[in-house]
Amino acid sequence: MMRIERIVALAGTLLAAGVGSARAHPWCEGGPPEQAAGRFGVGLHHTSQAIETGEATDEREHLGGGGVHLRFRFLPRWSAEVGMDHLRSKDDDRELRSTSLSLAFHPLPGRRVDFYLLAGGGRRDDRRQAQVGVGLEKRFRHLGIGVEARMIALEDEDPPEMQVRSSTTTTGSEREHTHGGQVTLGLTWYFGR
């Protein structure tokens, strides 16, 4: 198993263990699940990514940065998030901008410790990205402090020289696929109930 996959697997295990303890602990209890719906939040986050850049497992691009996110809990168990990040490569001072849209499923709605599964997609400069992950957030009335672990897949956009001759034949270069992991720490201010 590759190193980045181990890190994401460990983060997922720790988050799952946190959810198990959150079910039984009284300070984790919140209001009824219906109170979770209709909440809008805005926040700041810090992001760290490790993206595989070559065939060898030790070839990685390390990125760090921060951004803003907007969240809306449209049903007790479902929420949507739009995130915008500014990332800088730790290897060559390259700067990247990223936008994403994610949907999250909250199996324990209404808890002050909120565990969720998420999936989404977006763009990072000239590349498309897909993400799946897990998150854990502790709410203090209107303030939420959270951590997320995500697996990321990146794919180059079609180069301009790539043209379709028929439904089965293409010319030009192949698209480049890379993958990696991301850990995000965030603060969110929730409006409403």
C-alpha atoms as a PDB file:
ATOM      1  CA  MET A   1       0.000   0.000   0.000  1.00  0.00           C
ATOM      2  CA  MET A   2       1.388   3.411  -0.915  1.00  0.00           C
ATOM      3  CA  ARG A   3       2.366   5.845   1.814  1.00  0.00           C
ATOM      4  CA  ILE A   4      -0.322   8.458   1.052  1.00  0.00           C
ATOM      5  CA  GLU A   5      -3.010   5.761   1.076  1.00  0.00           C
ATOM      6  CA  ARG A   6      -1.819   4.668   4.519  1.00  0.00           C
ATOM      7  CA  ILE A   7      -2.110   8.220   5.819  1.00  0.00           C
ATOM      8  CA  VAL A   8      -5.649   8.620   4.473  1.00  0.00           C
ATOM      9  CA  ALA A   9      -6.629   5.162   5.789  1.00  0.00           C
ATOM     10  CA  LEU A  10      -5.270   6.064   9.252  1.00  0.00           C
ATOM     11  CA  ALA A  11      -7.142   9.388   9.245  1.00  0.00           C
ATOM     12  CA  GLY A  12     -10.351   7.596   8.232  1.00  0.00           C
ATOM     13  CA  THR A  13      -9.913   5.035  11.014  1.00  0.00           C
ATOM     14  CA  LEU A  14      -9.352   7.775  13.606  1.00  0.00           C
ATOM     15  CA  LEU A  15     -12.406   9.681  12.396  1.00  0.00           C
ATOM     16  CA  ALA A  16     -14.537   6.518  12.494  1.00  0.00           C
ATOM     17  CA  ALA A  17     -13.343   5.798  16.039  1.00  0.00           C
ATOM     18  CA  GLY A  18     -14.300   9.352  16.991  1.00  0.00           C
ATOM     19  CA  VAL A  19     -17.821   8.775  15.703  1.00  0.00           C
ATOM     20  CA  GLY A  20     -18.167   5.580  17.725  1.00  0.00           C
ATOM     21  CA  SER A  21     -17.230   7.377  20.923  1.00  0.00           C
ATOM     22  CA  ALA A  22     -19.440  10.351  19.987  1.00  0.00           C
ATOM     23  CA  ARG A  23     -22.553   8.159  20.031  1.00  0.00           C
ATOM     24  CA  ALA A  24     -22.136   7.291  23.683  1.00  0.00           C
ATOM     25  CA  HIS A  25     -20.715  10.511  25.134  1.00  0.00           C
ATOM     26  CA  PRO A  26     -23.301  12.981  26.543  1.00  0.00           C
ATOM     27  CA  TRP A  27     -21.360  16.146  25.558  1.00  0.00           C
ATOM     28  CA  CYS A  28     -21.759  15.105  21.909  1.00  0.00           C
ATOM     29  CA  GLU A  29     -25.539  15.159  21.961  1.00  0.00           C
ATOM     30  CA  GLY A  30     -27.322  17.969  20.199  1.00  0.00           C
ATOM     31  CA  GLY A  31     -30.901  18.836  19.410  1.00  0.00           C
ATOM     32  CA  PRO A  32     -33.327  16.869  17.262  1.00  0.00           C
ATOM     33  CA  PRO A  33     -32.062  16.009  13.758  1.00  0.00           C
ATOM     34  CA  GLU A  34     -34.573  18.414  12.172  1.00  0.00           C
ATOM     35  CA  GLN A  35     -32.654  21.340  13.734  1.00  0.00           C
ATOM     36  CA  ALA A  36     -29.617  20.477  11.592  1.00  0.00           C
ATOM     37  CA  ALA A  37     -31.469  21.280   8.344  1.00  0.00           C
ATOM     38  CA  GLY A  38     -31.542  24.800   6.957  1.00  0.00           C
ATOM     39  CA  ARG A  39     -28.197  25.865   8.423  1.00  0.00           C
ATOM     40  CA  PHE A  40     -25.856  28.022   6.380  1.00  0.00           C
ATOM     41  CA  GLY A  41     -22.167  28.334   7.260  1.00  0.00           C
ATOM     42  CA  VAL A  42     -19.128  30.255   6.069  1.00  0.00           C
ATOM     43  CA  GLY A  43     -15.586  29.383   7.058  1.00  0.00           C
ATOM     44  CA  LEU A  44     -11.832  29.381   6.628  1.00  0.00           C
ATOM     45  CA  HIS A  45      -9.604  26.340   6.272  1.00  0.00           C
ATOM     46  CA  HIS A  46      -5.975  25.254   5.967  1.00  0.00           C
ATOM     47  CA  THR A  47      -5.179  22.523   3.434  1.00  0.00           C
ATOM     48  CA  SER A  48      -2.202  20.224   2.953  1.00  0.00           C
ATOM     49  CA  GLN A  49      -1.942  17.959  -0.110  1.00  0.00           C
ATOM     50  CA  ALA A  50       0.474  15.282  -1.318  1.00  0.00           C
ATOM     51  CA  ILE A  51      -0.022  14.428  -5.000  1.00  0.00           C
ATOM     52  CA  GLU A  52       1.753  11.556  -6.785  1.00  0.00           C
ATOM     53  CA  THR A  53       3.675  13.032  -9.736  1.00  0.00           C
ATOM     54  CA  GLY A  54       5.372   9.996 -11.277  1.00  0.00           C
ATOM     55  CA  GLU A  55       5.553   6.232 -11.513  1.00  0.00           C
ATOM     56  CA  ALA A  56       7.813   5.949  -8.459  1.00  0.00           C
ATOM     57  CA  THR A  57       5.970   6.140  -5.148  1.00  0.00           C
ATOM     58  CA  ASP A  58       8.469   8.649  -3.729  1.00  0.00           C
ATOM     59  CA  GLU A  59       7.762  11.268  -6.430  1.00  0.00           C
ATOM     60  CA  ARG A  60       5.220  13.599  -4.806  1.00  0.00           C
ATOM     61  CA  GLU A  61       4.274  17.215  -5.064  1.00  0.00           C
ATOM     62  CA  HIS A  62       3.569  18.745  -1.653  1.00  0.00           C
ATOM     63  CA  LEU A  63       1.137  21.649  -1.566  1.00  0.00           C
ATOM     64  CA  GLY A  64      -0.089  23.794   1.276  1.00  0.00           C
ATOM     65  CA  GLY A  65      -2.387  26.752   1.596  1.00  0.00           C
ATOM     66  CA  GLY A  66      -5.774  27.896   2.675  1.00  0.00           C
ATOM     67  CA  GLY A  67      -9.148  29.002   1.496  1.00  0.00           C
ATOM     68  CA  VAL A  68     -12.775  29.723   2.191  1.00  0.00           C
ATOM     69  CA  HIS A  69     -15.850  27.525   2.099  1.00  0.00           C
ATOM     70  CA  LEU A  70     -19.625  27.971   2.100  1.00  0.00           C
ATOM     71  CA  ARG A  71     -21.849  25.200   3.465  1.00  0.00           C
ATOM     72  CA  PHE A  72     -25.584  24.625   3.398  1.00  0.00           C
ATOM     73  CA  ARG A  73     -27.373  21.797   5.207  1.00  0.00           C
ATOM     74  CA  PHE A  74     -30.427  21.375   2.984  1.00  0.00           C
ATOM     75  CA  LEU A  75     -31.691  18.189   4.728  1.00  0.00           C
ATOM     76  CA  PRO A  76     -30.839  16.764   8.167  1.00  0.00           C
ATOM     77  CA  ARG A  77     -28.564  14.115   6.610  1.00  0.00           C
ATOM     78  CA  TRP A  78     -27.334  16.007   3.518  1.00  0.00           C
ATOM     79  CA  SER A  79     -25.263  19.145   2.966  1.00  0.00           C
ATOM     80  CA  ALA A  80     -23.436  20.872   0.115  1.00  0.00           C
ATOM     81  CA  GLU A  81     -20.155  22.785   0.209  1.00  0.00           C
ATOM     82  CA  VAL A  82     -18.417  25.115  -2.224  1.00  0.00           C
ATOM     83  CA  GLY A  83     -14.717  25.558  -1.487  1.00  0.00           C
ATOM     84  CA  MET A  84     -12.046  27.827  -2.951  1.00  0.00           C
ATOM     85  CA  ASP A  85      -8.357  27.257  -2.199  1.00  0.00           C
ATOM     86  CA  HIS A  86      -5.069  28.988  -2.914  1.00  0.00           C
ATOM     87  CA  LEU A  87      -2.233  26.445  -2.805  1.00  0.00           C
ATOM     88  CA  ARG A  88       1.537  26.819  -3.076  1.00  0.00           C
ATOM     89  CA  SER A  89       3.947  24.063  -4.004  1.00  0.00           C
ATOM     90  CA  LYS A  90       6.584  23.491  -1.330  1.00  0.00           C
ATOM     91  CA  ASP A  91       9.022  22.264  -3.989  1.00  0.00           C
ATOM     92  CA  ASP A  92       9.071  25.017  -6.617  1.00  0.00           C
ATOM     93  CA  ASP A  93       6.963  27.977  -5.355  1.00  0.00           C
ATOM     94  CA  ARG A  94       4.306  27.321  -7.985  1.00  0.00           C
ATOM     95  CA  GLU A  95       0.884  28.724  -7.045  1.00  0.00           C
ATOM     96  CA  LEU A  96      -2.419  26.998  -7.842  1.00  0.00           C
ATOM     97  CA  ARG A  97      -6.055  27.863  -7.391  1.00  0.00           C
ATOM     98  CA  SER A  98      -8.714  25.260  -6.773  1.00  0.00           C
ATOM     99  CA  THR A  99     -12.514  25.280  -6.629  1.00  0.00           C
ATOM    100  CA  SER A 100     -14.725  22.373  -5.640  1.00  0.00           C
ATOM    101  CA  LEU A 101     -18.321  21.398  -5.007  1.00  0.00           C
ATOM    102  CA  SER A 102     -18.948  18.578  -2.524  1.00  0.00           C
ATOM    103  CA  LEU A 103     -21.970  16.751  -1.154  1.00  0.00           C
ATOM    104  CA  ALA A 104     -21.806  15.299   2.347  1.00  0.00           C
ATOM    105  CA  PHE A 105     -23.870  12.570   4.027  1.00  0.00           C
ATOM    106  CA  HIS A 106     -24.264  12.939   7.823  1.00  0.00           C
ATOM    107  CA  PRO A 107     -25.297   9.581   9.366  1.00  0.00           C
ATOM    108  CA  LEU A 108     -25.783  11.118  12.858  1.00  0.00           C
ATOM    109  CA  PRO A 109     -27.633  14.420  12.269  1.00  0.00           C
ATOM    110  CA  GLY A 110     -28.181  16.813  15.145  1.00  0.00           C
ATOM    111  CA  ARG A 111     -25.054  15.789  17.095  1.00  0.00           C
ATOM    112  CA  ARG A 112     -22.541  18.357  18.263  1.00  0.00           C
ATOM    113  CA  VAL A 113     -19.808  16.018  17.015  1.00  0.00           C
ATOM    114  CA  ASP A 114     -20.777  15.588  13.384  1.00  0.00           C
ATOM    115  CA  PHE A 115     -19.265  12.742  11.338  1.00  0.00           C
ATOM    116  CA  TYR A 116     -19.808  12.854   7.575  1.00  0.00           C
ATOM    117  CA  LEU A 117     -18.831  11.187   4.305  1.00  0.00           C
ATOM    118  CA  LEU A 118     -18.228  13.420   1.320  1.00  0.00           C
ATOM    119  CA  ALA A 119     -17.746  13.269  -2.438  1.00  0.00           C
ATOM    120  CA  GLY A 120     -17.308  15.978  -5.015  1.00  0.00           C
ATOM    121  CA  GLY A 121     -15.453  17.435  -7.914  1.00  0.00           C
ATOM    122  CA  GLY A 122     -14.008  20.628  -9.261  1.00  0.00           C
ATOM    123  CA  ARG A 123     -11.048  22.235 -10.980  1.00  0.00           C
ATOM    124  CA  ARG A 124      -7.466  22.954 -10.031  1.00  0.00           C
ATOM    125  CA  ASP A 125      -6.057  25.370 -12.612  1.00  0.00           C
ATOM    126  CA  ASP A 126      -6.078  23.343 -15.861  1.00  0.00           C
ATOM    127  CA  ARG A 127      -7.010  19.994 -14.307  1.00  0.00           C
ATOM    128  CA  ARG A 128     -10.273  18.366 -13.283  1.00  0.00           C
ATOM    129  CA  GLN A 129     -10.430  16.831  -9.824  1.00  0.00           C
ATOM    130  CA  ALA A 130     -12.617  14.302  -8.045  1.00  0.00           C
ATOM    131  CA  GLN A 131     -12.635  13.805  -4.273  1.00  0.00           C
ATOM    132  CA  VAL A 132     -13.995  11.341  -1.725  1.00  0.00           C
ATOM    133  CA  GLY A 133     -13.378  11.487   1.993  1.00  0.00           C
ATOM    134  CA  VAL A 134     -14.521  11.657   5.579  1.00  0.00           C
ATOM    135  CA  GLY A 135     -14.862  14.513   8.035  1.00  0.00           C
ATOM    136  CA  LEU A 136     -15.440  15.169  11.712  1.00  0.00           C
ATOM    137  CA  GLU A 137     -16.632  18.488  13.114  1.00  0.00           C
ATOM    138  CA  LYS A 138     -17.261  19.592  16.707  1.00  0.00           C
ATOM    139  CA  ARG A 139     -19.858  22.333  17.061  1.00  0.00           C
ATOM    140  CA  PHE A 140     -19.915  24.946  19.820  1.00  0.00           C
ATOM    141  CA  ARG A 141     -23.315  26.600  19.269  1.00  0.00           C
ATOM    142  CA  HIS A 142     -22.519  28.615  16.089  1.00  0.00           C
ATOM    143  CA  LEU A 143     -18.814  27.739  15.697  1.00  0.00           C
ATOM    144  CA  GLY A 144     -17.643  24.460  14.162  1.00  0.00           C
ATOM    145  CA  ILE A 145     -14.060  23.145  14.272  1.00  0.00           C
ATOM    146  CA  GLY A 146     -13.389  20.306  11.859  1.00  0.00           C
ATOM    147  CA  VAL A 147     -10.907  18.004  10.192  1.00  0.00           C
ATOM    148  CA  GLU A 148     -11.281  16.207   6.855  1.00  0.00           C
ATOM    149  CA  ALA A 149      -9.268  13.563   5.008  1.00  0.00           C
ATOM    150  CA  ARG A 150      -9.823  13.251   1.258  1.00  0.00           C
ATOM    151  CA  MET A 151      -8.534  11.095  -1.580  1.00  0.00           C
ATOM    152  CA  ILE A 152      -8.030  13.185  -4.729  1.00  0.00           C
ATOM    153  CA  ALA A 153      -7.864  12.145  -8.383  1.00  0.00           C
ATOM    154  CA  LEU A 154      -6.655  14.691 -10.952  1.00  0.00           C
ATOM    155  CA  GLU A 155      -6.965  14.551 -14.734  1.00  0.00           C
ATOM    156  CA  ASP A 156      -5.621  16.977 -17.342  1.00  0.00           C
ATOM    157  CA  GLU A 157      -8.127  18.822 -19.464  1.00  0.00           C
ATOM    158  CA  ASP A 158      -8.209  17.804 -23.128  1.00  0.00           C
ATOM    159  CA  PRO A 159      -5.283  19.499 -24.873  1.00  0.00           C
ATOM    160  CA  PRO A 160      -6.338  21.725 -27.808  1.00  0.00           C
ATOM    161  CA  GLU A 161      -4.537  19.492 -30.328  1.00  0.00           C
ATOM    162  CA  MET A 162      -6.683  16.479 -29.373  1.00  0.00           C
ATOM    163  CA  GLN A 163      -9.379  16.033 -32.006  1.00  0.00           C
ATOM    164  CA  VAL A 164     -11.897  13.256 -32.412  1.00  0.00           C
ATOM    165  CA  ARG A 165     -11.743  11.527 -35.826  1.00  0.00           C
ATOM    166  CA  SER A 166     -14.441   9.009 -35.111  1.00  0.00           C
ATOM    167  CA  SER A 167     -16.303   7.734 -32.090  1.00  0.00           C
ATOM    168  CA  THR A 168     -13.472   5.300 -31.260  1.00  0.00           C
ATOM    169  CA  THR A 169     -10.248   6.954 -32.509  1.00  0.00           C
ATOM    170  CA  THR A 170      -8.505  10.049 -31.135  1.00  0.00           C
ATOM    171  CA  THR A 171      -5.283  11.809 -32.013  1.00  0.00           C
ATOM    172  CA  GLY A 172      -2.932  13.761 -29.815  1.00  0.00           C
ATOM    173  CA  SER A 173      -1.471  13.036 -26.424  1.00  0.00           C
ATOM    174  CA  GLU A 174      -3.052  10.947 -23.700  1.00  0.00           C
ATOM    175  CA  ARG A 175      -4.492  12.639 -20.624  1.00  0.00           C
ATOM    176  CA  GLU A 176      -2.377  12.547 -17.498  1.00  0.00           C
ATOM    177  CA  HIS A 177      -3.970  11.041 -14.379  1.00  0.00           C
ATOM    178  CA  THR A 178      -2.534  11.606 -10.913  1.00  0.00           C
ATOM    179  CA  HIS A 179      -3.859  11.017  -7.409  1.00  0.00           C
ATOM    180  CA  GLY A 180      -3.079  11.860  -3.818  1.00  0.00           C
ATOM    181  CA  GLY A 181      -4.434  12.814  -0.442  1.00  0.00           C
ATOM    182  CA  GLN A 182      -5.535  15.951   1.348  1.00  0.00           C
ATOM    183  CA  VAL A 183      -5.986  16.879   4.997  1.00  0.00           C
ATOM    184  CA  THR A 184      -7.996  19.993   5.856  1.00  0.00           C
ATOM    185  CA  LEU A 185      -8.463  21.796   9.187  1.00  0.00           C
ATOM    186  CA  GLY A 186     -11.292  24.309   9.252  1.00  0.00           C
ATOM    187  CA  LEU A 187     -13.378  26.772  11.234  1.00  0.00           C
ATOM    188  CA  THR A 188     -16.995  27.389  10.217  1.00  0.00           C
ATOM    189  CA  TRP A 189     -19.458  29.946  11.571  1.00  0.00           C
ATOM    190  CA  TYR A 190     -23.062  28.703  11.269  1.00  0.00           C
ATOM    191  CA  PHE A 191     -25.999  31.065  10.977  1.00  0.00           C
ATOM    192  CA  GLY A 192     -29.504  30.183  12.080  1.00  0.00           C
ATOM    193  CA  ARG A 193     -30.596  27.851  14.874  1.00  0.00           C
END
